[in-house]
Amino acid sequence: MPDSDDVRRIALSLPETVEKEAWSMPTFRVSGKMFLTLPDDETSFAVRCPVLERGELIAAEPEKFWVPRHEAGSAWVRVRLAALEDLDELRDIVVDSWQQAAPSRLLDTFSGLG
């Protein structure tokens, strides 16, 4: 089962990603735009997700995806680490969020890195 160390390792492997503490938790940013947060209990993480897609994700896999009430108006979704199938699924989710925040100059050269 993937854990918070895997989340951090994958996020930091992406081009120009930096870790910065905010709201007393690690956040991960590319070109100043946040694409991932790791709440302090480290059993889940939050990623960017268009609101229209978020509802579909939650409906299809509610054991994996959810949105806390205080984040309902945002374009973010939480992911339960224990519900992930493997590191490949974790990587896909993290990369998708990074791609939503990364500038086009990085996207043009990004090849999936593995």
N, C-alpha and C. Protein backbone atom coordinates (compact mmCIF):
# COMPACT_ATOMS: atom_id res chain seq x y z
N MET A 1 0.85 -1.18 0.00
CA MET A 1 0.00 0.00 0.00
C MET A 1 0.89 1.25 0.00
N PRO A 2 0.61 2.19 -0.89
CA PRO A 2 1.38 3.43 -0.91
C PRO A 2 1.20 4.20 0.41
N ASP A 3 2.24 4.96 0.78
CA ASP A 3 2.15 5.76 1.99
C ASP A 3 2.58 7.20 1.70
N SER A 4 2.60 8.02 2.75
CA SER A 4 2.90 9.44 2.57
C SER A 4 4.32 9.66 2.05
N ASP A 5 5.26 8.78 2.38
CA ASP A 5 6.61 8.90 1.84
C ASP A 5 6.61 8.72 0.32
N ASP A 6 5.76 7.80 -0.16
CA ASP A 6 5.63 7.61 -1.61
C ASP A 6 5.03 8.85 -2.27
N VAL A 7 4.04 9.45 -1.63
CA VAL A 7 3.43 10.67 -2.16
C VAL A 7 4.51 11.75 -2.31
N ARG A 8 5.26 11.96 -1.26
CA ARG A 8 6.31 12.98 -1.26
C ARG A 8 7.36 12.68 -2.34
N ARG A 9 7.82 11.44 -2.39
CA ARG A 9 8.86 11.06 -3.36
C ARG A 9 8.40 11.29 -4.80
N ILE A 10 7.16 10.87 -5.11
CA ILE A 10 6.64 11.03 -6.46
C ILE A 10 6.46 12.52 -6.79
N ALA A 11 5.87 13.26 -5.87
CA ALA A 11 5.66 14.69 -6.12
C ALA A 11 6.98 15.40 -6.38
N LEU A 12 7.98 15.13 -5.55
CA LEU A 12 9.26 15.83 -5.69
C LEU A 12 10.07 15.35 -6.90
N SER A 13 9.68 14.23 -7.50
CA SER A 13 10.37 13.76 -8.70
C SER A 13 9.91 14.50 -9.95
N LEU A 14 8.83 15.25 -9.85
CA LEU A 14 8.29 15.95 -11.01
C LEU A 14 9.04 17.27 -11.22
N PRO A 15 9.23 17.66 -12.47
CA PRO A 15 10.03 18.84 -12.78
C PRO A 15 9.60 20.10 -12.01
N GLU A 16 10.60 20.75 -11.44
CA GLU A 16 10.46 22.05 -10.77
C GLU A 16 9.50 22.04 -9.59
N THR A 17 9.26 20.88 -9.01
CA THR A 17 8.39 20.80 -7.84
C THR A 17 9.17 21.15 -6.59
N VAL A 18 8.53 21.94 -5.73
CA VAL A 18 9.11 22.27 -4.43
C VAL A 18 8.09 21.96 -3.35
N GLU A 19 8.61 21.62 -2.18
CA GLU A 19 7.77 21.39 -1.01
C GLU A 19 7.81 22.64 -0.15
N LYS A 20 6.63 23.08 0.29
CA LYS A 20 6.54 24.27 1.13
C LYS A 20 5.46 24.04 2.17
N GLU A 21 5.76 24.33 3.42
CA GLU A 21 4.76 24.17 4.47
C GLU A 21 3.76 25.32 4.41
N ALA A 22 2.49 24.96 4.50
CA ALA A 22 1.39 25.94 4.57
C ALA A 22 0.27 25.30 5.38
N TRP A 23 -0.41 26.07 6.15
CA TRP A 23 -1.49 25.55 7.01
C TRP A 23 -1.00 24.38 7.87
N SER A 24 0.25 24.46 8.31
CA SER A 24 0.88 23.43 9.15
C SER A 24 0.94 22.06 8.50
N MET A 25 1.05 22.03 7.17
CA MET A 25 1.20 20.76 6.46
C MET A 25 2.05 20.96 5.22
N PRO A 26 2.65 19.87 4.74
CA PRO A 26 3.41 19.97 3.50
C PRO A 26 2.50 20.23 2.31
N THR A 27 2.92 21.14 1.46
CA THR A 27 2.24 21.37 0.19
C THR A 27 3.30 21.27 -0.90
N PHE A 28 2.87 20.92 -2.09
CA PHE A 28 3.79 20.74 -3.20
C PHE A 28 3.34 21.65 -4.34
N ARG A 29 4.32 22.37 -4.91
CA ARG A 29 4.01 23.41 -5.89
C ARG A 29 4.94 23.32 -7.09
N VAL A 30 4.41 23.74 -8.22
CA VAL A 30 5.20 23.88 -9.43
C VAL A 30 4.95 25.30 -9.94
N SER A 31 6.03 26.03 -10.16
CA SER A 31 5.93 27.44 -10.60
C SER A 31 5.01 28.24 -9.69
N GLY A 32 5.08 27.98 -8.40
CA GLY A 32 4.30 28.72 -7.43
C GLY A 32 2.86 28.26 -7.28
N LYS A 33 2.40 27.35 -8.11
CA LYS A 33 1.02 26.86 -8.04
C LYS A 33 0.97 25.54 -7.28
N MET A 34 0.13 25.50 -6.28
CA MET A 34 -0.01 24.30 -5.47
C MET A 34 -0.76 23.22 -6.26
N PHE A 35 -0.25 21.97 -6.18
CA PHE A 35 -0.94 20.87 -6.85
C PHE A 35 -1.20 19.69 -5.92
N LEU A 36 -0.67 19.73 -4.69
CA LEU A 36 -0.87 18.62 -3.77
C LEU A 36 -0.65 19.09 -2.35
N THR A 37 -1.48 18.60 -1.43
CA THR A 37 -1.26 18.83 -0.01
C THR A 37 -1.29 17.48 0.70
N LEU A 38 -0.57 17.42 1.80
CA LEU A 38 -0.48 16.20 2.58
C LEU A 38 -0.86 16.53 4.02
N PRO A 39 -2.16 16.38 4.36
CA PRO A 39 -2.61 16.70 5.72
C PRO A 39 -1.82 15.92 6.78
N ASP A 40 -1.81 16.47 8.00
CA ASP A 40 -0.92 15.94 9.03
C ASP A 40 -1.18 14.51 9.46
N ASP A 41 -2.37 13.97 9.23
CA ASP A 41 -2.58 12.57 9.62
C ASP A 41 -1.95 11.61 8.61
N GLU A 42 -1.59 12.12 7.43
CA GLU A 42 -0.90 11.38 6.37
C GLU A 42 -1.60 10.10 5.93
N THR A 43 -2.91 10.02 6.11
CA THR A 43 -3.68 8.87 5.61
C THR A 43 -4.32 9.19 4.27
N SER A 44 -4.24 10.46 3.88
CA SER A 44 -4.81 10.90 2.61
C SER A 44 -3.98 12.06 2.09
N PHE A 45 -4.30 12.48 0.88
CA PHE A 45 -3.68 13.66 0.32
C PHE A 45 -4.73 14.33 -0.56
N ALA A 46 -4.50 15.59 -0.89
CA ALA A 46 -5.44 16.33 -1.72
C ALA A 46 -4.75 16.76 -3.00
N VAL A 47 -5.49 16.68 -4.11
CA VAL A 47 -4.97 17.06 -5.42
C VAL A 47 -5.98 17.92 -6.16
N ARG A 48 -5.50 18.63 -7.15
CA ARG A 48 -6.38 19.42 -8.02
C ARG A 48 -7.30 18.48 -8.78
N CYS A 49 -8.53 18.90 -8.95
CA CYS A 49 -9.49 18.11 -9.72
C CYS A 49 -10.62 19.03 -10.14
N PRO A 50 -10.85 19.16 -11.44
CA PRO A 50 -11.97 20.00 -11.88
C PRO A 50 -13.27 19.56 -11.20
N VAL A 51 -14.05 20.52 -10.77
CA VAL A 51 -15.27 20.24 -10.01
C VAL A 51 -16.19 19.28 -10.76
N LEU A 52 -16.32 19.42 -12.06
CA LEU A 52 -17.21 18.54 -12.82
C LEU A 52 -16.73 17.09 -12.80
N GLU A 53 -15.44 16.88 -12.87
CA GLU A 53 -14.88 15.52 -12.82
C GLU A 53 -14.91 14.95 -11.41
N ARG A 54 -14.79 15.82 -10.44
CA ARG A 54 -14.74 15.39 -9.03
C ARG A 54 -15.98 14.61 -8.63
N GLY A 55 -17.14 15.08 -9.01
CA GLY A 55 -18.37 14.39 -8.67
C GLY A 55 -18.42 12.98 -9.24
N GLU A 56 -17.93 12.83 -10.46
CA GLU A 56 -17.89 11.51 -11.09
C GLU A 56 -16.92 10.58 -10.35
N LEU A 57 -15.77 11.09 -9.98
CA LEU A 57 -14.79 10.29 -9.24
C LEU A 57 -15.37 9.78 -7.93
N ILE A 58 -15.97 10.69 -7.19
CA ILE A 58 -16.53 10.33 -5.88
C ILE A 58 -17.66 9.33 -6.03
N ALA A 59 -18.52 9.53 -7.01
CA ALA A 59 -19.63 8.60 -7.23
C ALA A 59 -19.13 7.21 -7.63
N ALA A 60 -18.07 7.16 -8.43
CA ALA A 60 -17.55 5.87 -8.90
C ALA A 60 -16.76 5.14 -7.82
N GLU A 61 -16.01 5.88 -7.00
CA GLU A 61 -15.15 5.24 -6.00
C GLU A 61 -15.16 6.04 -4.69
N PRO A 62 -16.29 6.04 -3.98
CA PRO A 62 -16.38 6.84 -2.75
C PRO A 62 -15.44 6.38 -1.64
N GLU A 63 -14.99 5.14 -1.69
CA GLU A 63 -14.04 4.66 -0.69
C GLU A 63 -12.64 5.24 -0.91
N LYS A 64 -12.42 5.75 -2.11
CA LYS A 64 -11.10 6.29 -2.49
C LYS A 64 -11.08 7.82 -2.50
N PHE A 65 -12.14 8.44 -3.01
CA PHE A 65 -12.17 9.89 -3.19
C PHE A 65 -13.27 10.52 -2.36
N TRP A 66 -13.00 11.69 -1.81
CA TRP A 66 -14.01 12.45 -1.10
C TRP A 66 -13.58 13.91 -0.97
N VAL A 67 -14.53 14.74 -0.57
CA VAL A 67 -14.26 16.16 -0.38
C VAL A 67 -14.78 16.57 1.00
N PRO A 68 -13.93 17.08 1.86
CA PRO A 68 -14.40 17.60 3.14
C PRO A 68 -15.33 18.79 2.91
N ARG A 69 -16.25 18.97 3.80
CA ARG A 69 -17.24 20.05 3.66
C ARG A 69 -16.57 21.41 3.42
N HIS A 70 -15.50 21.70 4.14
CA HIS A 70 -14.86 23.03 4.01
C HIS A 70 -14.16 23.22 2.66
N GLU A 71 -14.01 22.15 1.87
CA GLU A 71 -13.39 22.26 0.55
C GLU A 71 -14.39 22.07 -0.59
N ALA A 72 -15.67 22.05 -0.26
CA ALA A 72 -16.70 21.75 -1.26
C ALA A 72 -16.68 22.72 -2.44
N GLY A 73 -16.33 23.96 -2.22
CA GLY A 73 -16.33 24.94 -3.30
C GLY A 73 -15.03 25.00 -4.09
N SER A 74 -14.07 24.20 -3.71
CA SER A 74 -12.78 24.25 -4.37
C SER A 74 -12.67 23.21 -5.48
N ALA A 75 -11.63 23.32 -6.27
CA ALA A 75 -11.37 22.36 -7.35
C ALA A 75 -10.33 21.35 -6.88
N TRP A 76 -10.57 20.76 -5.72
CA TRP A 76 -9.67 19.78 -5.11
C TRP A 76 -10.47 18.56 -4.68
N VAL A 77 -9.78 17.43 -4.60
CA VAL A 77 -10.39 16.19 -4.10
C VAL A 77 -9.37 15.52 -3.19
N ARG A 78 -9.86 14.85 -2.16
CA ARG A 78 -8.99 14.08 -1.27
C ARG A 78 -8.93 12.63 -1.75
N VAL A 79 -7.79 12.00 -1.51
CA VAL A 79 -7.56 10.62 -1.91
C VAL A 79 -7.08 9.84 -0.69
N ARG A 80 -7.77 8.75 -0.37
CA ARG A 80 -7.36 7.89 0.75
C ARG A 80 -6.24 6.96 0.29
N LEU A 81 -5.10 7.05 0.94
CA LEU A 81 -3.95 6.22 0.57
C LEU A 81 -4.26 4.73 0.68
N ALA A 82 -4.96 4.31 1.71
CA ALA A 82 -5.25 2.89 1.92
C ALA A 82 -6.11 2.30 0.82
N ALA A 83 -6.82 3.14 0.07
CA ALA A 83 -7.72 2.64 -0.98
C ALA A 83 -7.03 2.53 -2.34
N LEU A 84 -5.81 3.03 -2.45
CA LEU A 84 -5.11 2.97 -3.73
C LEU A 84 -4.63 1.55 -4.01
N GLU A 85 -4.68 1.19 -5.29
CA GLU A 85 -4.27 -0.16 -5.69
C GLU A 85 -2.76 -0.36 -5.59
N ASP A 86 -1.99 0.63 -6.06
CA ASP A 86 -0.54 0.46 -6.09
C ASP A 86 0.14 1.80 -6.37
N LEU A 87 1.46 1.77 -6.49
CA LEU A 87 2.22 2.98 -6.74
C LEU A 87 1.93 3.58 -8.11
N ASP A 88 1.59 2.76 -9.09
CA ASP A 88 1.25 3.28 -10.42
C ASP A 88 0.01 4.16 -10.35
N GLU A 89 -1.00 3.72 -9.60
CA GLU A 89 -2.21 4.53 -9.47
C GLU A 89 -1.89 5.83 -8.74
N LEU A 90 -1.10 5.76 -7.68
CA LEU A 90 -0.70 6.96 -6.96
C LEU A 90 0.03 7.91 -7.90
N ARG A 91 0.97 7.41 -8.65
CA ARG A 91 1.73 8.24 -9.59
C ARG A 91 0.81 8.91 -10.61
N ASP A 92 -0.14 8.16 -11.16
CA ASP A 92 -1.07 8.73 -12.14
C ASP A 92 -1.85 9.90 -11.55
N ILE A 93 -2.30 9.75 -10.32
CA ILE A 93 -3.08 10.81 -9.67
C ILE A 93 -2.22 12.04 -9.42
N VAL A 94 -1.01 11.83 -8.91
CA VAL A 94 -0.12 12.95 -8.62
C VAL A 94 0.30 13.67 -9.91
N VAL A 95 0.65 12.91 -10.93
CA VAL A 95 1.06 13.51 -12.21
C VAL A 95 -0.09 14.30 -12.82
N ASP A 96 -1.30 13.78 -12.76
CA ASP A 96 -2.45 14.50 -13.31
C ASP A 96 -2.61 15.86 -12.63
N SER A 97 -2.49 15.88 -11.31
CA SER A 97 -2.62 17.14 -10.59
C SER A 97 -1.48 18.09 -10.94
N TRP A 98 -0.25 17.57 -11.02
CA TRP A 98 0.90 18.39 -11.40
C TRP A 98 0.68 19.01 -12.77
N GLN A 99 0.16 18.23 -13.73
CA GLN A 99 -0.06 18.73 -15.08
C GLN A 99 -1.09 19.87 -15.10
N GLN A 100 -2.04 19.85 -14.17
CA GLN A 100 -3.03 20.92 -14.10
C GLN A 100 -2.42 22.23 -13.62
N ALA A 101 -1.33 22.15 -12.87
CA ALA A 101 -0.70 23.35 -12.31
C ALA A 101 0.53 23.80 -13.08
N ALA A 102 1.18 22.89 -13.77
CA ALA A 102 2.46 23.20 -14.44
C ALA A 102 2.26 24.15 -15.62
N PRO A 103 3.25 25.01 -15.83
CA PRO A 103 3.19 25.90 -17.00
C PRO A 103 3.41 25.11 -18.29
N SER A 104 2.93 25.67 -19.38
CA SER A 104 3.01 24.96 -20.67
C SER A 104 4.45 24.64 -21.06
N ARG A 105 5.42 25.46 -20.68
CA ARG A 105 6.81 25.18 -21.05
C ARG A 105 7.27 23.85 -20.44
N LEU A 106 6.75 23.48 -19.27
CA LEU A 106 7.09 22.19 -18.67
C LEU A 106 6.27 21.06 -19.29
N LEU A 107 5.02 21.34 -19.57
CA LEU A 107 4.17 20.31 -20.17
C LEU A 107 4.67 19.88 -21.53
N ASP A 108 5.22 20.84 -22.27
CA ASP A 108 5.73 20.55 -23.61
C ASP A 108 6.90 19.55 -23.59
N THR A 109 7.64 19.53 -22.49
CA THR A 109 8.79 18.62 -22.42
C THR A 109 8.55 17.42 -21.52
N PHE A 110 7.43 17.42 -20.80
CA PHE A 110 7.15 16.33 -19.87
C PHE A 110 6.80 15.06 -20.64
N SER A 111 7.44 13.96 -20.27
CA SER A 111 7.21 12.71 -21.00
C SER A 111 6.65 11.62 -20.10
N GLY A 112 6.15 11.97 -18.93
CA GLY A 112 5.64 10.95 -18.03
C GLY A 112 6.68 10.47 -17.05
N LEU A 113 7.93 10.76 -17.31
CA LEU A 113 9.02 10.40 -16.41
C LEU A 113 8.92 8.98 -15.88
N GLY A 114 8.79 8.04 -16.76
CA GLY A 114 8.79 6.67 -16.30
C GLY A 114 7.56 6.02 -16.70
